[in-house]
């Protein structure tokens, strides 16, 4: 009998952002709908019309969710079991750390959020607060707990056709660069660890960086370093309102 040629596996259908994209990140205040960017990162709970509007302009849209903290103002806040709620997240009113070891209890909540993200047509997800194993959470979390949780989140996002990024967590780059699709960084040039995410751009994956105006860094220097690394870097207010400064402007 002739040898049967195996049927090739279907290629992944989610978005694969490449280096060099112009991005904006806005989680508070009135959205600047006139700003032309390649990518915008906004809250999961924005209206459907917002996602549709940006898509009509050819802009990819990332949905922000916190995967490592409980936020008491969210519409699904009452779904979090008491046993997964840890210490207060200092500096962020109304937030508490989550016991990310308990994927069994967090899974229904996070899956529902990812379902909503996909249903609205978002292209990707930003999993904020994924890097918590060294925080004073009230739980004895390990790096392995954190890695297991992020790997689970990646599988769930990809099953829904969503790209998913590494949020900060520079020490996880080696373990995640082949699994995740991009990275989002904060203050990486100010604190001197941006180069640790270079494996992403080396692999042809975008790195989106935000430096903040409340720190006395040299933004132009950060831009020069960012260009060498092929990162997309912007300057933002800490509350992530509409104001933005792009490198070179």
Protein backbone atom coordinates (compact mmCIF):
# COMPACT_ATOMS: atom_id res chain seq x y z
CA UNK A 1 0.00 0.00 0.00
CA UNK A 2 1.24 3.52 -0.72
CA UNK A 3 2.43 5.54 2.23
CA UNK A 4 -0.23 8.02 3.34
CA UNK A 5 1.01 11.57 3.61
CA UNK A 6 0.10 13.02 7.04
CA UNK A 7 -2.35 15.88 6.98
CA UNK A 8 -0.54 19.01 8.11
CA UNK A 9 -1.75 20.61 11.30
CA UNK A 10 -3.66 23.85 10.78
CA UNK A 11 -1.56 26.94 11.37
CA UNK A 12 -2.44 29.08 14.40
CA UNK A 13 -5.07 31.65 13.59
CA UNK A 14 -4.32 34.25 16.22
CA UNK A 15 -2.53 37.56 15.62
CA UNK A 16 1.28 37.53 15.69
CA UNK A 17 2.48 41.13 16.27
CA UNK A 18 5.91 41.88 14.84
CA UNK A 19 8.45 44.51 15.94
CA UNK A 20 8.04 48.07 14.76
CA UNK A 21 4.35 48.67 15.49
CA UNK A 22 3.14 52.03 16.83
CA UNK A 23 1.06 51.50 19.95
CA UNK A 24 -1.09 53.29 22.50
CA UNK A 25 -2.14 52.15 25.96
CA UNK A 26 -5.17 53.77 27.60
CA UNK A 27 -7.01 52.47 30.66
CA UNK A 28 -8.53 55.68 32.05
CA UNK A 29 -10.23 58.83 30.83
CA UNK A 30 -11.98 59.56 27.55
CA UNK A 31 -10.49 57.58 24.68
CA UNK A 32 -8.67 59.58 22.02
CA UNK A 33 -10.45 58.23 18.95
CA UNK A 34 -8.49 60.41 16.54
CA UNK A 35 -5.08 58.99 17.36
CA UNK A 36 -3.79 56.76 14.56
CA UNK A 37 -1.83 53.77 15.82
CA UNK A 38 -1.26 50.18 14.75
CA UNK A 39 -2.17 48.75 18.16
CA UNK A 40 -4.18 49.98 21.14
CA UNK A 41 -4.46 48.34 24.56
CA UNK A 42 -7.74 49.11 26.36
CA UNK A 43 -9.83 47.63 29.15
CA UNK A 44 -11.83 44.45 28.54
CA UNK A 45 -15.02 46.21 29.56
CA UNK A 46 -15.02 48.98 26.93
CA UNK A 47 -18.11 49.01 24.75
CA UNK A 48 -18.35 46.84 21.67
CA UNK A 49 -18.47 49.98 19.52
CA UNK A 50 -14.95 50.91 20.69
CA UNK A 51 -13.45 47.65 19.47
CA UNK A 52 -15.38 47.90 16.20
CA UNK A 53 -14.28 51.49 15.69
CA UNK A 54 -10.59 50.72 16.06
CA UNK A 55 -10.89 47.73 13.76
CA UNK A 56 -12.54 49.95 11.16
CA UNK A 57 -9.35 52.05 11.25
CA UNK A 58 -7.13 49.02 10.81
CA UNK A 59 -5.98 49.04 14.44
CA UNK A 60 -5.40 45.83 16.39
CA UNK A 61 -6.96 45.88 19.87
CA UNK A 62 -5.58 44.29 23.04
CA UNK A 63 -7.87 43.67 26.02
CA UNK A 64 -6.52 44.37 29.49
CA UNK A 65 -7.41 42.00 32.31
CA UNK A 66 -5.77 41.49 35.69
CA UNK A 67 -4.99 37.82 36.15
CA UNK A 68 -3.10 38.13 39.45
CA UNK A 69 -5.23 40.55 41.43
CA UNK A 70 -8.86 40.91 42.50
CA UNK A 71 -10.44 44.30 41.73
CA UNK A 72 -13.53 45.06 43.78
CA UNK A 73 -15.12 47.29 41.14
CA UNK A 74 -15.28 44.68 38.39
CA UNK A 75 -18.69 43.29 37.35
CA UNK A 76 -17.51 39.76 38.17
CA UNK A 77 -15.98 40.65 41.57
CA UNK A 78 -18.58 38.58 43.44
CA UNK A 79 -17.46 35.41 41.62
CA UNK A 80 -14.08 35.23 43.40
CA UNK A 81 -14.13 32.72 46.29
CA UNK A 82 -12.86 34.13 49.57
CA UNK A 83 -10.08 31.55 49.80
CA UNK A 84 -8.28 32.93 46.71
CA UNK A 85 -8.15 36.50 48.06
CA UNK A 86 -4.85 37.45 49.64
CA UNK A 87 -3.31 40.60 51.06
CA UNK A 88 -4.12 44.07 49.82
CA UNK A 89 -2.20 45.20 46.76
CA UNK A 90 -0.46 48.20 48.28
CA UNK A 91 -0.78 51.37 46.24
CA UNK A 92 -3.86 50.21 44.32
CA UNK A 93 -7.10 50.81 46.18
CA UNK A 94 -9.66 48.01 46.05
CA UNK A 95 -7.21 45.35 44.84
CA UNK A 96 -6.02 42.18 46.53
CA UNK A 97 -3.58 39.53 45.41
CA UNK A 98 -4.88 36.21 44.13
CA UNK A 99 -3.82 32.68 44.99
CA UNK A 100 -2.79 31.71 41.47
CA UNK A 101 -2.11 28.14 42.62
CA UNK A 102 -5.88 27.63 42.67
CA UNK A 103 -6.43 27.43 38.94
CA UNK A 104 -9.40 25.19 39.70
CA UNK A 105 -11.17 28.11 41.39
CA UNK A 106 -9.90 30.88 39.11
CA UNK A 107 -10.51 29.02 35.85
CA UNK A 108 -14.27 29.74 35.53
CA UNK A 109 -13.67 33.47 36.12
CA UNK A 110 -10.70 33.84 33.80
CA UNK A 111 -12.32 31.71 31.10
CA UNK A 112 -15.40 33.95 31.21
CA UNK A 113 -13.19 37.02 30.81
CA UNK A 114 -11.36 35.46 27.88
CA UNK A 115 -14.70 34.46 26.36
CA UNK A 116 -15.84 38.08 26.56
CA UNK A 117 -12.56 39.29 25.10
CA UNK A 118 -12.98 36.94 22.15
CA UNK A 119 -16.69 37.68 21.73
CA UNK A 120 -15.99 41.40 21.43
CA UNK A 121 -13.44 40.68 18.71
CA UNK A 122 -10.30 41.71 20.56
CA UNK A 123 -7.10 40.49 18.92
CA UNK A 124 -5.08 39.82 22.06
CA UNK A 125 -5.00 39.86 25.83
CA UNK A 126 -2.72 41.66 28.28
CA UNK A 127 -2.51 39.49 31.44
CA UNK A 128 -1.64 42.10 34.04
CA UNK A 129 -0.14 41.15 37.41
CA UNK A 130 1.06 37.78 36.16
CA UNK A 131 4.39 38.41 37.91
CA UNK A 132 3.53 38.04 41.60
CA UNK A 133 5.49 35.15 43.08
CA UNK A 134 7.91 37.54 44.82
CA UNK A 135 5.18 39.86 46.11
CA UNK A 136 3.81 39.84 49.67
CA UNK A 137 0.60 38.15 48.57
CA UNK A 138 -0.18 36.21 51.73
CA UNK A 139 0.37 32.94 49.84
CA UNK A 140 3.57 30.86 49.53
CA UNK A 141 3.71 31.24 45.75
CA UNK A 142 6.67 29.90 43.79
CA UNK A 143 8.04 30.61 40.35
CA UNK A 144 6.72 27.21 39.26
CA UNK A 145 3.20 28.20 40.41
CA UNK A 146 3.43 31.35 38.34
CA UNK A 147 4.77 29.55 35.26
CA UNK A 148 2.05 26.92 35.46
CA UNK A 149 -0.63 29.63 35.67
CA UNK A 150 0.72 31.59 32.70
CA UNK A 151 1.03 28.42 30.62
CA UNK A 152 -2.61 27.66 31.41
CA UNK A 153 -3.67 31.21 30.47
CA UNK A 154 -1.76 30.96 27.18
CA UNK A 155 -3.50 27.72 26.27
CA UNK A 156 -6.91 29.21 27.07
CA UNK A 157 -6.22 32.40 25.10
CA UNK A 158 -4.93 30.56 22.05
CA UNK A 159 -7.92 28.21 22.07
CA UNK A 160 -10.05 31.34 21.63
CA UNK A 161 -7.94 32.74 18.80
CA UNK A 162 -6.38 35.40 21.03
CA UNK A 163 -2.73 36.36 21.11
CA UNK A 164 -1.35 36.76 24.63
CA UNK A 165 1.64 38.69 25.90
CA UNK A 166 4.22 38.49 28.65
CA UNK A 167 3.60 41.35 31.10
CA UNK A 168 6.88 42.47 32.68
CA UNK A 169 8.23 39.31 34.46
CA UNK A 170 11.68 39.57 32.87
CA UNK A 171 12.88 36.45 34.67
CA UNK A 172 10.27 34.40 32.78
CA UNK A 173 11.45 35.33 29.30
CA UNK A 174 13.42 32.14 28.67
CA UNK A 175 10.44 29.98 29.62
CA UNK A 176 7.80 32.02 27.78
CA UNK A 177 9.32 33.48 24.61
CA UNK A 178 8.44 30.43 22.51
CA UNK A 179 4.92 30.22 23.96
CA UNK A 180 3.69 33.81 24.12
CA UNK A 181 3.21 36.20 21.21
CA UNK A 182 4.54 39.58 22.39
CA UNK A 183 5.54 41.42 25.56
CA UNK A 184 4.36 44.53 27.40
CA UNK A 185 6.82 46.27 29.70
CA UNK A 186 6.72 49.13 32.20
CA UNK A 187 9.69 51.28 33.25
CA UNK A 188 12.03 48.74 31.70
CA UNK A 189 14.57 51.29 30.47
CA UNK A 190 14.41 53.35 33.64
CA UNK A 191 15.23 50.32 35.79
CA UNK A 192 17.69 48.88 33.29
CA UNK A 193 16.19 45.48 32.46
CA UNK A 194 14.74 46.09 28.99
CA UNK A 195 17.47 44.04 27.31
CA UNK A 196 16.18 40.93 29.07
CA UNK A 197 13.21 40.95 26.68
CA UNK A 198 15.36 41.10 23.54
CA UNK A 199 14.69 37.38 22.85
CA UNK A 200 11.19 38.45 21.80
CA UNK A 201 12.32 40.79 19.04
CA UNK A 202 15.05 38.30 18.10
CA UNK A 203 12.19 35.85 17.51
CA UNK A 204 10.29 38.39 15.41
CA UNK A 205 7.80 39.22 18.17
CA UNK A 206 6.79 42.74 19.23
CA UNK A 207 7.80 44.29 22.54
CA UNK A 208 5.60 47.19 23.67
CA UNK A 209 7.21 49.35 26.37
CA UNK A 210 5.82 52.25 28.43
CA UNK A 211 8.02 54.60 30.41
CA UNK A 212 6.30 56.96 32.88
CA UNK A 213 6.44 60.69 33.51
CA UNK A 214 6.52 60.31 37.31
CA UNK A 215 10.08 58.98 37.16
CA UNK A 216 13.02 61.25 36.31
CA UNK A 217 14.33 59.17 33.43
CA UNK A 218 15.75 60.40 30.12
CA UNK A 219 13.05 59.44 27.63
CA UNK A 220 15.13 60.29 24.58
CA UNK A 221 17.89 57.99 25.84
CA UNK A 222 15.29 55.28 26.35
CA UNK A 223 14.14 55.82 22.78
CA UNK A 224 17.66 55.39 21.43
CA UNK A 225 18.08 52.16 23.37
CA UNK A 226 14.61 51.05 22.31
CA UNK A 227 15.46 51.53 18.64
CA UNK A 228 18.51 49.27 18.99
CA UNK A 229 16.35 46.57 20.57
CA UNK A 230 13.52 47.11 18.02
CA UNK A 231 11.01 47.81 20.82
CA UNK A 232 7.94 50.06 20.52
CA UNK A 233 8.35 52.58 23.35
CA UNK A 234 6.04 55.36 24.52
CA UNK A 235 5.93 57.81 27.42
CA UNK A 236 2.76 57.78 29.53
CA UNK A 237 1.20 59.22 32.66
CA UNK A 238 1.03 56.59 35.40
CA UNK A 239 -2.79 56.54 35.29
CA UNK A 240 -2.66 55.58 31.60
CA UNK A 241 -4.97 58.30 30.35
CA UNK A 242 -5.05 59.46 26.71
CA UNK A 243 -1.81 61.45 26.82
CA UNK A 244 1.08 59.80 25.02
CA UNK A 245 4.48 60.74 23.62
CA UNK A 246 6.03 58.58 20.93
CA UNK A 247 9.71 58.13 20.35
CA UNK A 248 10.93 60.58 17.71
CA UNK A 249 8.15 63.10 18.35
